[in-house]
C-alpha atoms as a PDB file:
ATOM      1  CA  UNK A   1      65.882 104.153  92.290  1.00  0.00           C
ATOM      2  CA  UNK A   2      68.853 105.707  94.089  1.00  0.00           C
ATOM      3  CA  UNK A   3      71.601 107.350  92.042  1.00  0.00           C
ATOM      4  CA  UNK A   4      74.460 104.801  91.994  1.00  0.00           C
ATOM      5  CA  UNK A   5      77.420 106.895  90.752  1.00  0.00           C
ATOM      6  CA  UNK A   6      79.344 109.389  92.907  1.00  0.00           C
ATOM      7  CA  UNK A   7      80.101 112.883  91.628  1.00  0.00           C
ATOM      8  CA  UNK A   8      83.412 113.572  89.938  1.00  0.00           C
ATOM      9  CA  UNK A   9      85.183 116.756  91.062  1.00  0.00           C
ATOM     10  CA  UNK A  10      88.174 118.057  92.937  1.00  0.00           C
ATOM     11  CA  UNK A  11      89.274 121.373  94.415  1.00  0.00           C
ATOM     12  CA  UNK A  12      90.403 122.607  90.966  1.00  0.00           C
ATOM     13  CA  UNK A  13      86.989 122.114  89.330  1.00  0.00           C
ATOM     14  CA  UNK A  14      85.699 125.383  87.886  1.00  0.00           C
ATOM     15  CA  UNK A  15      82.626 124.328  85.931  1.00  0.00           C
ATOM     16  CA  UNK A  16      79.951 121.799  86.779  1.00  0.00           C
ATOM     17  CA  UNK A  17      78.109 119.757  84.155  1.00  0.00           C
ATOM     18  CA  UNK A  18      74.900 118.159  85.377  1.00  0.00           C
ATOM     19  CA  UNK A  19      72.821 115.510  83.663  1.00  0.00           C
ATOM     20  CA  UNK A  20      69.478 114.179  84.863  1.00  0.00           C
ATOM     21  CA  UNK A  21      69.949 110.534  85.943  1.00  0.00           C
ATOM     22  CA  UNK A  22      72.263 107.746  84.686  1.00  0.00           C
ATOM     23  CA  UNK A  23      71.021 105.608  81.814  1.00  0.00           C
ATOM     24  CA  UNK A  24      70.694 101.847  82.159  1.00  0.00           C
ATOM     25  CA  UNK A  25      74.051 101.412  80.403  1.00  0.00           C
ATOM     26  CA  UNK A  26      75.742 104.035  82.611  1.00  0.00           C
ATOM     27  CA  UNK A  27      74.424 102.237  85.682  1.00  0.00           C
ATOM     28  CA  UNK A  28      75.813  98.949  84.324  1.00  0.00           C
ATOM     29  CA  UNK A  29      79.299 100.392  83.727  1.00  0.00           C
ATOM     30  CA  UNK A  30      79.112 102.512  86.903  1.00  0.00           C
ATOM     31  CA  UNK A  31      80.115 105.748  85.184  1.00  0.00           C
ATOM     32  CA  UNK A  32      78.523 108.614  83.334  1.00  0.00           C
ATOM     33  CA  UNK A  33      77.477 108.547  79.687  1.00  0.00           C
ATOM     34  CA  UNK A  34      78.226 104.857  79.289  1.00  0.00           C
ATOM     35  CA  UNK A  35      75.955 104.244  76.301  1.00  0.00           C
ATOM     36  CA  UNK A  36      78.206 103.967  73.218  1.00  0.00           C
ATOM     37  CA  UNK A  37      75.819 106.165  71.194  1.00  0.00           C
ATOM     38  CA  UNK A  38      75.810 109.001  73.748  1.00  0.00           C
ATOM     39  CA  UNK A  39      77.931 111.788  72.327  1.00  0.00           C
ATOM     40  CA  UNK A  40      79.036 113.384  75.606  1.00  0.00           C
ATOM     41  CA  UNK A  41      82.620 112.108  75.511  1.00  0.00           C
ATOM     42  CA  UNK A  42      83.024 112.958  71.815  1.00  0.00           C
ATOM     43  CA  UNK A  43      81.773 116.506  72.470  1.00  0.00           C
ATOM     44  CA  UNK A  44      84.061 117.082  75.471  1.00  0.00           C
ATOM     45  CA  UNK A  45      87.100 115.619  73.690  1.00  0.00           C
ATOM     46  CA  UNK A  46      86.449 117.774  70.604  1.00  0.00           C
ATOM     47  CA  UNK A  47      85.920 120.942  72.638  1.00  0.00           C
ATOM     48  CA  UNK A  48      89.153 120.423  74.542  1.00  0.00           C
ATOM     49  CA  UNK A  49      91.135 119.155  71.506  1.00  0.00           C
ATOM     50  CA  UNK A  50      91.884 115.899  73.272  1.00  0.00           C
ATOM     51  CA  UNK A  51      91.799 112.257  72.125  1.00  0.00           C
ATOM     52  CA  UNK A  52      88.539 110.436  72.765  1.00  0.00           C
ATOM     53  CA  UNK A  53      88.808 108.729  76.174  1.00  0.00           C
ATOM     54  CA  UNK A  54      87.774 105.092  76.259  1.00  0.00           C
ATOM     55  CA  UNK A  55      88.313 103.882  79.822  1.00  0.00           C
ATOM     56  CA  UNK A  56      86.656 105.270  82.935  1.00  0.00           C
ATOM     57  CA  UNK A  57      90.071 106.375  84.190  1.00  0.00           C
ATOM     58  CA  UNK A  58      90.763 108.266  80.939  1.00  0.00           C
ATOM     59  CA  UNK A  59      87.347 109.933  81.156  1.00  0.00           C
ATOM     60  CA  UNK A  60      87.944 111.013  84.755  1.00  0.00           C
ATOM     61  CA  UNK A  61      91.399 112.333  83.892  1.00  0.00           C
ATOM     62  CA  UNK A  62      90.067 114.322  80.919  1.00  0.00           C
ATOM     63  CA  UNK A  63      87.463 116.096  83.016  1.00  0.00           C
ATOM     64  CA  UNK A  64      89.660 116.779  86.015  1.00  0.00           C
ATOM     65  CA  UNK A  65      92.536 118.016  83.843  1.00  0.00           C
ATOM     66  CA  UNK A  66      90.248 120.678  82.432  1.00  0.00           C
ATOM     67  CA  UNK A  67      88.562 121.748  85.667  1.00  0.00           C
ATOM     68  CA  UNK A  68      85.255 120.031  84.891  1.00  0.00           C
ATOM     69  CA  UNK A  69      83.058 118.537  87.620  1.00  0.00           C
ATOM     70  CA  UNK A  70      80.351 116.055  86.632  1.00  0.00           C
ATOM     71  CA  UNK A  71      77.237 114.784  88.368  1.00  0.00           C
ATOM     72  CA  UNK A  72      73.461 114.561  87.970  1.00  0.00           C
ATOM     73  CA  UNK A  73      70.675 116.684  89.421  1.00  0.00           C
ATOM     74  CA  UNK A  74      68.651 113.686  90.644  1.00  0.00           C
ATOM     75  CA  UNK A  75      69.565 111.734  93.793  1.00  0.00           C
ATOM     76  CA  UNK A  76      66.636 109.339  93.471  1.00  0.00           C
ATOM     77  CA  UNK A  77      63.531 108.893  91.340  1.00  0.00           C
ATOM     78  CA  UNK A  78      61.249 106.420  89.668  1.00  0.00           C
ATOM     79  CA  UNK A  79      62.409 105.790  86.097  1.00  0.00           C
ATOM     80  CA  UNK A  80      61.571 103.292  83.367  1.00  0.00           C
ATOM     81  CA  UNK A  81      64.712 102.235  81.532  1.00  0.00           C
ATOM     82  CA  UNK A  82      66.686 105.323  80.524  1.00  0.00           C
ATOM     83  CA  UNK A  83      63.864 107.619  79.451  1.00  0.00           C
ATOM     84  CA  UNK A  84      63.912 111.084  81.008  1.00  0.00           C
ATOM     85  CA  UNK A  85      60.234 111.409  80.114  1.00  0.00           C
ATOM     86  CA  UNK A  86      59.442 108.564  82.534  1.00  0.00           C
ATOM     87  CA  UNK A  87      61.123 110.211  85.541  1.00  0.00           C
ATOM     88  CA  UNK A  88      58.777 110.658  88.503  1.00  0.00           C
ATOM     89  CA  UNK A  89      59.068 111.443  92.230  1.00  0.00           C
ATOM     90  CA  UNK A  90      62.371 113.283  92.014  1.00  0.00           C
ATOM     91  CA  UNK A  91      64.622 113.905  94.986  1.00  0.00           C
ATOM     92  CA  UNK A  92      67.424 116.319  93.997  1.00  0.00           C
ATOM     93  CA  UNK A  93      71.101 115.733  94.701  1.00  0.00           C
ATOM     94  CA  UNK A  94      72.743 117.926  97.323  1.00  0.00           C
ATOM     95  CA  UNK A  95      75.169 119.862  95.154  1.00  0.00           C
ATOM     96  CA  UNK A  96      76.539 121.778  98.151  1.00  0.00           C
ATOM     97  CA  UNK A  97      79.302 119.212  98.547  1.00  0.00           C
ATOM     98  CA  UNK A  98      80.694 120.270  95.155  1.00  0.00           C
ATOM     99  CA  UNK A  99      80.115 124.005  95.629  1.00  0.00           C
ATOM    100  CA  UNK A 100      81.815 123.937  99.031  1.00  0.00           C
ATOM    101  CA  UNK A 101      84.866 121.961  97.828  1.00  0.00           C
ATOM    102  CA  UNK A 102      85.482 123.672  94.486  1.00  0.00           C
ATOM    103  CA  UNK A 103      85.220 127.208  93.158  1.00  0.00           C
ATOM    104  CA  UNK A 104      82.515 126.456  90.613  1.00  0.00           C
ATOM    105  CA  UNK A 105      82.115 129.469  88.352  1.00  0.00           C
ATOM    106  CA  UNK A 106      79.516 128.129  85.904  1.00  0.00           C
ATOM    107  CA  UNK A 107      76.900 125.381  85.816  1.00  0.00           C
ATOM    108  CA  UNK A 108      75.903 123.697  82.547  1.00  0.00           C
ATOM    109  CA  UNK A 109      72.949 121.327  82.208  1.00  0.00           C
ATOM    110  CA  UNK A 110      73.062 118.475  79.704  1.00  0.00           C
ATOM    111  CA  UNK A 111      69.523 118.648  78.347  1.00  0.00           C
ATOM    112  CA  UNK A 112      66.164 120.180  79.155  1.00  0.00           C
ATOM    113  CA  UNK A 113      65.178 117.659  81.831  1.00  0.00           C
ATOM    114  CA  UNK A 114      68.313 118.332  83.869  1.00  0.00           C
ATOM    115  CA  UNK A 115      67.774 122.084  83.446  1.00  0.00           C
ATOM    116  CA  UNK A 116      64.115 121.905  84.497  1.00  0.00           C
ATOM    117  CA  UNK A 117      64.922 119.951  87.662  1.00  0.00           C
ATOM    118  CA  UNK A 118      67.916 122.168  88.499  1.00  0.00           C
ATOM    119  CA  UNK A 119      65.831 125.324  88.062  1.00  0.00           C
ATOM    120  CA  UNK A 120      63.033 123.900  90.228  1.00  0.00           C
ATOM    121  CA  UNK A 121      65.434 123.489  93.162  1.00  0.00           C
ATOM    122  CA  UNK A 122      68.315 125.921  92.728  1.00  0.00           C
ATOM    123  CA  UNK A 123      66.826 128.927  94.524  1.00  0.00           C
ATOM    124  CA  UNK A 124      65.812 126.793  97.501  1.00  0.00           C
ATOM    125  CA  UNK A 125      69.423 125.652  97.904  1.00  0.00           C
ATOM    126  CA  UNK A 126      71.067 128.905  96.802  1.00  0.00           C
ATOM    127  CA  UNK A 127      72.698 127.466  93.687  1.00  0.00           C
ATOM    128  CA  UNK A 128      73.762 129.808  90.867  1.00  0.00           C
ATOM    129  CA  UNK A 129      71.809 130.001  87.590  1.00  0.00           C
ATOM    130  CA  UNK A 130      72.612 127.300  85.066  1.00  0.00           C
ATOM    131  CA  UNK A 131      72.924 127.245  81.287  1.00  0.00           C
ATOM    132  CA  UNK A 132      71.022 124.575  79.385  1.00  0.00           C
ATOM    133  CA  UNK A 133      72.875 122.801  76.576  1.00  0.00           C
ATOM    134  CA  UNK A 134      71.309 120.356  74.105  1.00  0.00           C
ATOM    135  CA  UNK A 135      71.329 116.793  75.335  1.00  0.00           C
ATOM    136  CA  UNK A 136      74.118 114.534  74.097  1.00  0.00           C
ATOM    137  CA  UNK A 137      71.745 111.561  74.338  1.00  0.00           C
ATOM    138  CA  UNK A 138      71.213 109.440  71.223  1.00  0.00           C
ATOM    139  CA  UNK A 139      67.496 110.216  71.708  1.00  0.00           C
ATOM    140  CA  UNK A 140      68.295 113.814  70.706  1.00  0.00           C
ATOM    141  CA  UNK A 141      68.602 112.862  67.042  1.00  0.00           C
ATOM    142  CA  UNK A 142      67.844 116.385  65.807  1.00  0.00           C
ATOM    143  CA  UNK A 143      71.456 117.327  66.659  1.00  0.00           C
ATOM    144  CA  UNK A 144      74.381 115.914  64.727  1.00  0.00           C
ATOM    145  CA  UNK A 145      77.731 115.617  66.492  1.00  0.00           C
ATOM    146  CA  UNK A 146      78.898 118.756  64.703  1.00  0.00           C
ATOM    147  CA  UNK A 147      75.873 120.800  65.789  1.00  0.00           C
ATOM    148  CA  UNK A 148      76.243 119.533  69.365  1.00  0.00           C
ATOM    149  CA  UNK A 149      79.886 120.607  69.455  1.00  0.00           C
ATOM    150  CA  UNK A 150      78.879 124.042  68.169  1.00  0.00           C
ATOM    151  CA  UNK A 151      76.025 124.324  70.684  1.00  0.00           C
ATOM    152  CA  UNK A 152      78.363 123.391  73.548  1.00  0.00           C
ATOM    153  CA  UNK A 153      80.897 126.093  72.550  1.00  0.00           C
ATOM    154  CA  UNK A 154      79.823 128.480  75.365  1.00  0.00           C
ATOM    155  CA  UNK A 155      81.222 125.981  77.861  1.00  0.00           C
ATOM    156  CA  UNK A 156      84.456 125.641  75.928  1.00  0.00           C
ATOM    157  CA  UNK A 157      84.898 129.386  75.624  1.00  0.00           C
ATOM    158  CA  UNK A 158      84.340 129.702  79.347  1.00  0.00           C
ATOM    159  CA  UNK A 159      86.944 127.015  80.059  1.00  0.00           C
ATOM    160  CA  UNK A 160      89.429 128.797  77.832  1.00  0.00           C
ATOM    161  CA  UNK A 161      89.052 131.843  80.081  1.00  0.00           C
ATOM    162  CA  UNK A 162      89.077 130.081  83.436  1.00  0.00           C
ATOM    163  CA  UNK A 163      91.149 126.914  83.398  1.00  0.00           C
ATOM    164  CA  UNK A 164      94.501 125.606  82.403  1.00  0.00           C
ATOM    165  CA  UNK A 165      95.610 122.043  81.957  1.00  0.00           C
ATOM    166  CA  UNK A 166      97.000 120.259  84.967  1.00  0.00           C
ATOM    167  CA  UNK A 167      99.795 117.794  84.539  1.00  0.00           C
ATOM    168  CA  UNK A 168      98.965 114.118  84.984  1.00  0.00           C
ATOM    169  CA  UNK A 169     101.179 114.144  88.082  1.00  0.00           C
ATOM    170  CA  UNK A 170      98.787 116.610  89.715  1.00  0.00           C
ATOM    171  CA  UNK A 171      95.757 114.359  89.127  1.00  0.00           C
END
């Protein structure tokens, strides 16, 4: 299956968050973390003290306003449903298009699968080291929303040091 969703970034992006591959629900809605039980948007909104975005446009605006780029490490693979454990025959995404357009200063991986795939390919492509964060997937039931927010704090602290909010007119 070929990855159906383009990356989200602009020239002001300073951090890059990478997942593995879009879930069935994300593929249906044509945007990242589309499953209503995935906690990604709740974590990002809490970390940035913003209201929870509901529309795709609100989600894009939230990320871009805070200098966050978003994509997945996998360009194509074989996958059954949404299960990362079923992923086979991985072809990685070419992240150079983001690194060349934006001054990415940190890479964060949403879950162990994304981290494993990123690490397997990053030296070949000259990508910087990444930091693994616990998956926001509903399958990661060992983390409550509160513990996820706490675990994702390194990203938030980094954003506090490196980005400022852009006005909606600049987006």
